[in-house]
């Protein structure tokens, strides 16, 4: 589907340099056709992108429709355009430090 195709393109575009300069992990909660949890890991050596949860905890979790996601990338917009108000809801994981605190 279009979502899987988009992630294949992203995976191909991820370079060592890009990973070094970005140092972030993005998780996408997509609704609709081809939806589900997808990720772009620009932190782990070499970087990766694909279906499922990222190999390390995401720095940014974004919820949007799969159609919007595909449109966003196919229109050659930088992924960061997605952070513009109104395009998606961004949830940063504030529960993580709290749950770590409880464990210690």
N, C-alpha and C. Protein backbone atom coordinates (compact mmCIF):
# COMPACT_ATOMS: atom_id res chain seq x y z
N UNK A 1 0.81 -1.21 0.00
CA UNK A 1 0.00 0.00 0.00
C UNK A 1 0.84 1.26 0.00
N UNK A 2 0.21 2.41 -0.13
CA UNK A 2 0.93 3.68 -0.18
C UNK A 2 1.76 3.97 1.07
N UNK A 3 1.27 3.57 2.24
CA UNK A 3 2.02 3.84 3.48
C UNK A 3 3.31 3.03 3.49
N UNK A 4 3.21 1.73 3.19
CA UNK A 4 4.39 0.87 3.16
C UNK A 4 5.39 1.37 2.12
N UNK A 5 4.88 1.80 0.98
CA UNK A 5 5.72 2.32 -0.10
C UNK A 5 6.47 3.57 0.37
N UNK A 6 5.75 4.45 1.06
CA UNK A 6 6.35 5.68 1.58
C UNK A 6 7.49 5.35 2.55
N UNK A 7 7.25 4.37 3.43
CA UNK A 7 8.29 4.00 4.39
C UNK A 7 9.49 3.35 3.71
N UNK A 8 9.24 2.63 2.61
CA UNK A 8 10.34 2.06 1.84
C UNK A 8 11.23 3.17 1.30
N UNK A 9 10.59 4.22 0.79
CA UNK A 9 11.32 5.38 0.26
C UNK A 9 12.12 6.06 1.38
N UNK A 10 11.46 6.25 2.53
CA UNK A 10 12.12 6.89 3.66
C UNK A 10 13.33 6.07 4.10
N UNK A 11 13.13 4.76 4.21
CA UNK A 11 14.21 3.86 4.62
C UNK A 11 15.40 4.02 3.68
N UNK A 12 15.11 4.13 2.38
CA UNK A 12 16.16 4.30 1.39
C UNK A 12 16.86 5.65 1.48
N UNK A 13 16.15 6.63 2.03
CA UNK A 13 16.70 7.99 2.09
C UNK A 13 17.48 8.25 3.37
N UNK A 14 17.34 7.36 4.35
CA UNK A 14 18.02 7.54 5.63
C UNK A 14 19.52 7.29 5.46
N UNK A 15 20.31 8.30 5.77
CA UNK A 15 21.75 8.16 5.69
C UNK A 15 22.38 8.30 7.05
N UNK A 16 23.60 7.80 7.18
CA UNK A 16 24.37 7.89 8.42
C UNK A 16 24.46 9.36 8.86
N UNK A 17 24.71 10.22 7.88
CA UNK A 17 24.84 11.65 8.13
C UNK A 17 23.56 12.24 8.71
N UNK A 18 22.45 11.86 8.11
CA UNK A 18 21.14 12.34 8.53
C UNK A 18 20.86 11.90 9.96
N UNK A 19 21.22 10.66 10.26
CA UNK A 19 21.03 10.11 11.61
C UNK A 19 21.86 10.91 12.60
N UNK A 20 23.11 11.16 12.23
CA UNK A 20 24.02 11.91 13.11
C UNK A 20 23.49 13.30 13.41
N UNK A 21 22.94 13.95 12.38
CA UNK A 21 22.50 15.34 12.58
C UNK A 21 21.12 15.44 13.23
N UNK A 22 20.31 14.40 13.10
CA UNK A 22 18.95 14.47 13.63
C UNK A 22 18.85 13.96 15.06
N UNK A 23 19.35 12.74 15.29
CA UNK A 23 19.31 12.15 16.63
C UNK A 23 17.91 12.18 17.23
N UNK A 24 16.94 11.68 16.49
CA UNK A 24 15.58 11.63 17.00
C UNK A 24 14.86 10.40 16.50
N UNK A 25 13.88 9.96 17.27
CA UNK A 25 13.07 8.82 16.87
C UNK A 25 11.62 9.26 16.82
N UNK A 26 10.99 9.02 15.67
CA UNK A 26 9.62 9.46 15.44
C UNK A 26 8.70 8.25 15.32
N UNK A 27 7.62 8.28 16.06
CA UNK A 27 6.63 7.21 15.97
C UNK A 27 5.35 7.81 15.42
N UNK A 28 4.74 7.11 14.48
CA UNK A 28 3.53 7.59 13.84
C UNK A 28 2.39 6.64 14.13
N UNK A 29 1.32 7.16 14.72
CA UNK A 29 0.11 6.38 14.94
C UNK A 29 -0.84 6.76 13.82
N UNK A 30 -0.90 5.91 12.80
CA UNK A 30 -1.69 6.25 11.62
C UNK A 30 -3.04 5.57 11.64
N UNK A 31 -4.06 6.34 11.30
CA UNK A 31 -5.41 5.78 11.23
C UNK A 31 -5.80 5.65 9.77
N UNK A 32 -6.70 4.74 9.47
CA UNK A 32 -7.17 4.58 8.10
C UNK A 32 -6.40 3.51 7.36
N UNK A 33 -6.45 3.57 6.05
CA UNK A 33 -5.86 2.57 5.18
C UNK A 33 -4.36 2.41 5.41
N UNK A 34 -3.91 1.20 5.71
CA UNK A 34 -2.48 0.97 5.94
C UNK A 34 -1.98 1.56 7.23
N UNK A 35 -2.93 1.87 8.12
CA UNK A 35 -2.58 2.50 9.38
C UNK A 35 -1.90 1.56 10.36
N UNK A 36 -1.79 2.02 11.59
CA UNK A 36 -1.09 1.26 12.61
C UNK A 36 0.09 2.07 13.11
N UNK A 37 1.01 1.39 13.78
CA UNK A 37 2.19 2.06 14.33
C UNK A 37 3.36 1.89 13.37
N UNK A 38 3.95 3.01 12.99
CA UNK A 38 5.12 3.02 12.12
C UNK A 38 6.17 3.91 12.78
N UNK A 39 7.41 3.79 12.35
CA UNK A 39 8.45 4.61 12.97
C UNK A 39 9.55 5.00 11.98
N UNK A 40 10.24 6.08 12.34
CA UNK A 40 11.48 6.46 11.67
C UNK A 40 12.50 6.66 12.78
N UNK A 41 13.54 5.84 12.76
CA UNK A 41 14.58 5.90 13.78
C UNK A 41 15.79 6.63 13.21
N UNK A 42 15.99 7.86 13.68
CA UNK A 42 17.14 8.64 13.23
C UNK A 42 18.08 8.86 14.41
N UNK A 43 18.22 7.81 15.21
CA UNK A 43 19.08 7.90 16.38
C UNK A 43 20.04 6.71 16.44
N UNK A 44 19.50 5.52 16.26
CA UNK A 44 20.31 4.30 16.29
C UNK A 44 21.24 4.28 15.08
N UNK A 45 22.42 3.74 15.26
CA UNK A 45 23.42 3.70 14.18
C UNK A 45 22.82 3.19 12.87
N UNK A 46 23.01 3.98 11.82
CA UNK A 46 22.51 3.57 10.51
C UNK A 46 21.07 4.00 10.25
N UNK A 47 20.29 4.10 11.32
CA UNK A 47 18.90 4.52 11.17
C UNK A 47 18.04 3.45 10.54
N UNK A 48 16.74 3.56 10.70
CA UNK A 48 15.81 2.62 10.08
C UNK A 48 14.42 3.22 10.08
N UNK A 49 13.55 2.59 9.31
CA UNK A 49 12.17 3.03 9.25
C UNK A 49 11.32 1.83 8.91
N UNK A 50 10.09 1.80 9.40
CA UNK A 50 9.24 0.67 9.06
C UNK A 50 8.02 0.53 9.95
N UNK A 51 7.42 -0.64 9.86
CA UNK A 51 6.19 -0.92 10.58
C UNK A 51 6.50 -1.39 11.99
N UNK A 52 5.66 -0.97 12.92
CA UNK A 52 5.81 -1.42 14.30
C UNK A 52 6.39 -0.34 15.19
N UNK A 53 6.71 -0.73 16.43
CA UNK A 53 7.29 0.21 17.38
C UNK A 53 8.78 0.38 17.05
N UNK A 54 9.31 1.59 17.28
CA UNK A 54 10.74 1.80 17.04
C UNK A 54 11.59 0.96 18.00
N UNK A 55 12.83 0.64 17.60
CA UNK A 55 13.71 -0.19 18.45
C UNK A 55 14.07 0.49 19.77
N UNK A 56 14.02 1.82 19.78
CA UNK A 56 14.23 2.56 21.03
C UNK A 56 13.03 3.48 21.23
N UNK A 57 12.86 3.98 22.44
CA UNK A 57 11.70 4.82 22.74
C UNK A 57 11.65 6.05 21.84
N UNK A 58 10.48 6.33 21.30
CA UNK A 58 10.30 7.48 20.42
C UNK A 58 10.41 8.78 21.19
N UNK A 59 11.05 9.77 20.56
CA UNK A 59 11.11 11.11 21.14
C UNK A 59 9.81 11.85 20.86
N UNK A 60 9.23 11.55 19.72
CA UNK A 60 8.01 12.23 19.30
C UNK A 60 7.01 11.20 18.79
N UNK A 61 5.78 11.28 19.28
CA UNK A 61 4.72 10.42 18.78
C UNK A 61 3.70 11.30 18.08
N UNK A 62 3.38 10.97 16.84
CA UNK A 62 2.44 11.78 16.08
C UNK A 62 1.26 10.94 15.63
N UNK A 63 0.07 11.51 15.78
CA UNK A 63 -1.14 10.82 15.34
C UNK A 63 -1.72 11.56 14.15
N UNK A 64 -1.97 10.83 13.07
CA UNK A 64 -2.59 11.45 11.90
C UNK A 64 -3.18 10.34 11.04
N UNK A 65 -3.90 10.74 10.01
CA UNK A 65 -4.44 9.72 9.11
C UNK A 65 -3.34 9.29 8.16
N UNK A 66 -3.42 8.05 7.69
CA UNK A 66 -2.40 7.54 6.78
C UNK A 66 -2.39 8.36 5.49
N UNK A 67 -3.55 8.84 5.07
CA UNK A 67 -3.64 9.66 3.86
C UNK A 67 -2.83 10.95 4.02
N UNK A 68 -2.97 11.60 5.19
CA UNK A 68 -2.22 12.82 5.46
C UNK A 68 -0.72 12.54 5.50
N UNK A 69 -0.38 11.41 6.10
CA UNK A 69 1.03 11.04 6.21
C UNK A 69 1.66 10.88 4.82
N UNK A 70 0.99 10.11 3.97
CA UNK A 70 1.49 9.86 2.62
C UNK A 70 1.60 11.17 1.84
N UNK A 71 0.56 12.00 1.98
CA UNK A 71 0.54 13.29 1.29
C UNK A 71 1.73 14.14 1.75
N UNK A 72 1.93 14.15 3.06
CA UNK A 72 3.00 14.95 3.65
C UNK A 72 4.36 14.59 3.06
N UNK A 73 4.62 13.29 2.90
CA UNK A 73 5.92 12.86 2.39
C UNK A 73 6.01 12.91 0.87
N UNK A 74 4.93 12.56 0.19
CA UNK A 74 5.01 12.55 -1.26
C UNK A 74 5.06 13.95 -1.83
N UNK A 75 4.57 14.92 -1.11
CA UNK A 75 4.67 16.29 -1.58
C UNK A 75 6.04 16.87 -1.26
N UNK A 76 6.96 16.00 -0.87
CA UNK A 76 8.34 16.39 -0.61
C UNK A 76 8.48 17.41 0.51
N UNK A 77 7.48 17.47 1.34
CA UNK A 77 7.60 18.33 2.52
C UNK A 77 8.59 17.68 3.46
N UNK A 78 9.35 18.48 4.12
CA UNK A 78 10.21 17.93 5.16
C UNK A 78 9.30 17.34 6.23
N UNK A 79 9.72 16.22 6.83
CA UNK A 79 8.90 15.62 7.89
C UNK A 79 8.52 16.64 8.94
N UNK A 80 9.39 17.61 9.16
CA UNK A 80 9.15 18.55 10.24
C UNK A 80 8.01 19.52 9.97
N UNK A 81 7.58 19.60 8.71
CA UNK A 81 6.41 20.41 8.40
C UNK A 81 5.20 19.86 9.15
N UNK A 82 5.26 18.59 9.46
CA UNK A 82 4.15 17.94 10.15
C UNK A 82 3.96 18.52 11.54
N UNK A 83 5.00 19.15 12.06
CA UNK A 83 4.89 19.71 13.41
C UNK A 83 4.15 21.04 13.41
N UNK A 84 3.84 21.54 12.22
CA UNK A 84 3.10 22.79 12.16
C UNK A 84 1.73 22.59 12.80
N UNK A 85 1.24 23.58 13.55
CA UNK A 85 -0.05 23.44 14.22
C UNK A 85 -1.16 23.08 13.24
N UNK A 86 -2.04 22.23 13.67
CA UNK A 86 -3.20 21.89 12.86
C UNK A 86 -3.04 20.64 12.03
N UNK A 87 -1.79 20.20 11.83
CA UNK A 87 -1.59 19.03 10.98
C UNK A 87 -1.68 17.72 11.75
N UNK A 88 -1.30 17.75 13.00
CA UNK A 88 -1.30 16.50 13.76
C UNK A 88 -1.29 16.83 15.24
N UNK A 89 -1.53 15.82 16.03
CA UNK A 89 -1.41 16.03 17.46
C UNK A 89 -0.12 15.37 17.90
N UNK A 90 0.66 16.10 18.64
CA UNK A 90 1.95 15.58 19.09
C UNK A 90 1.87 15.28 20.59
N UNK A 91 2.24 14.05 20.92
CA UNK A 91 2.28 13.68 22.33
C UNK A 91 3.72 13.35 22.67
N UNK A 92 4.32 14.13 23.54
CA UNK A 92 5.64 13.74 24.00
C UNK A 92 5.45 12.87 25.23
N UNK A 93 6.32 11.90 25.36
CA UNK A 93 6.12 10.89 26.38
C UNK A 93 6.56 11.39 27.75
N UNK A 94 5.62 11.96 28.50
CA UNK A 94 5.94 12.46 29.83
C UNK A 94 5.82 11.35 30.87
N UNK A 95 5.18 10.25 30.48
CA UNK A 95 4.98 9.16 31.43
C UNK A 95 6.28 8.40 31.67
N UNK A 96 7.19 8.44 30.70
CA UNK A 96 8.42 7.66 30.78
C UNK A 96 9.27 8.01 31.99
N UNK A 97 9.62 9.30 32.17
CA UNK A 97 10.44 9.63 33.34
C UNK A 97 9.73 9.26 34.64
N UNK A 98 8.40 9.40 34.67
CA UNK A 98 7.64 9.08 35.87
C UNK A 98 7.72 7.60 36.19
N UNK A 99 7.57 6.77 35.15
CA UNK A 99 7.59 5.33 35.41
C UNK A 99 8.99 4.87 35.80
N UNK A 100 10.03 5.52 35.27
CA UNK A 100 11.40 5.20 35.66
C UNK A 100 11.61 5.56 37.13
N UNK A 101 11.06 6.70 37.52
CA UNK A 101 11.19 7.18 38.88
C UNK A 101 10.59 6.17 39.86
N UNK A 102 9.43 5.62 39.48
CA UNK A 102 8.74 4.66 40.34
C UNK A 102 9.57 3.39 40.51
N UNK A 103 10.29 3.00 39.43
CA UNK A 103 11.09 1.76 39.46
C UNK A 103 12.26 1.88 40.41
N UNK A 104 12.84 3.07 40.50
CA UNK A 104 14.06 3.25 41.29
C UNK A 104 13.79 3.27 42.79
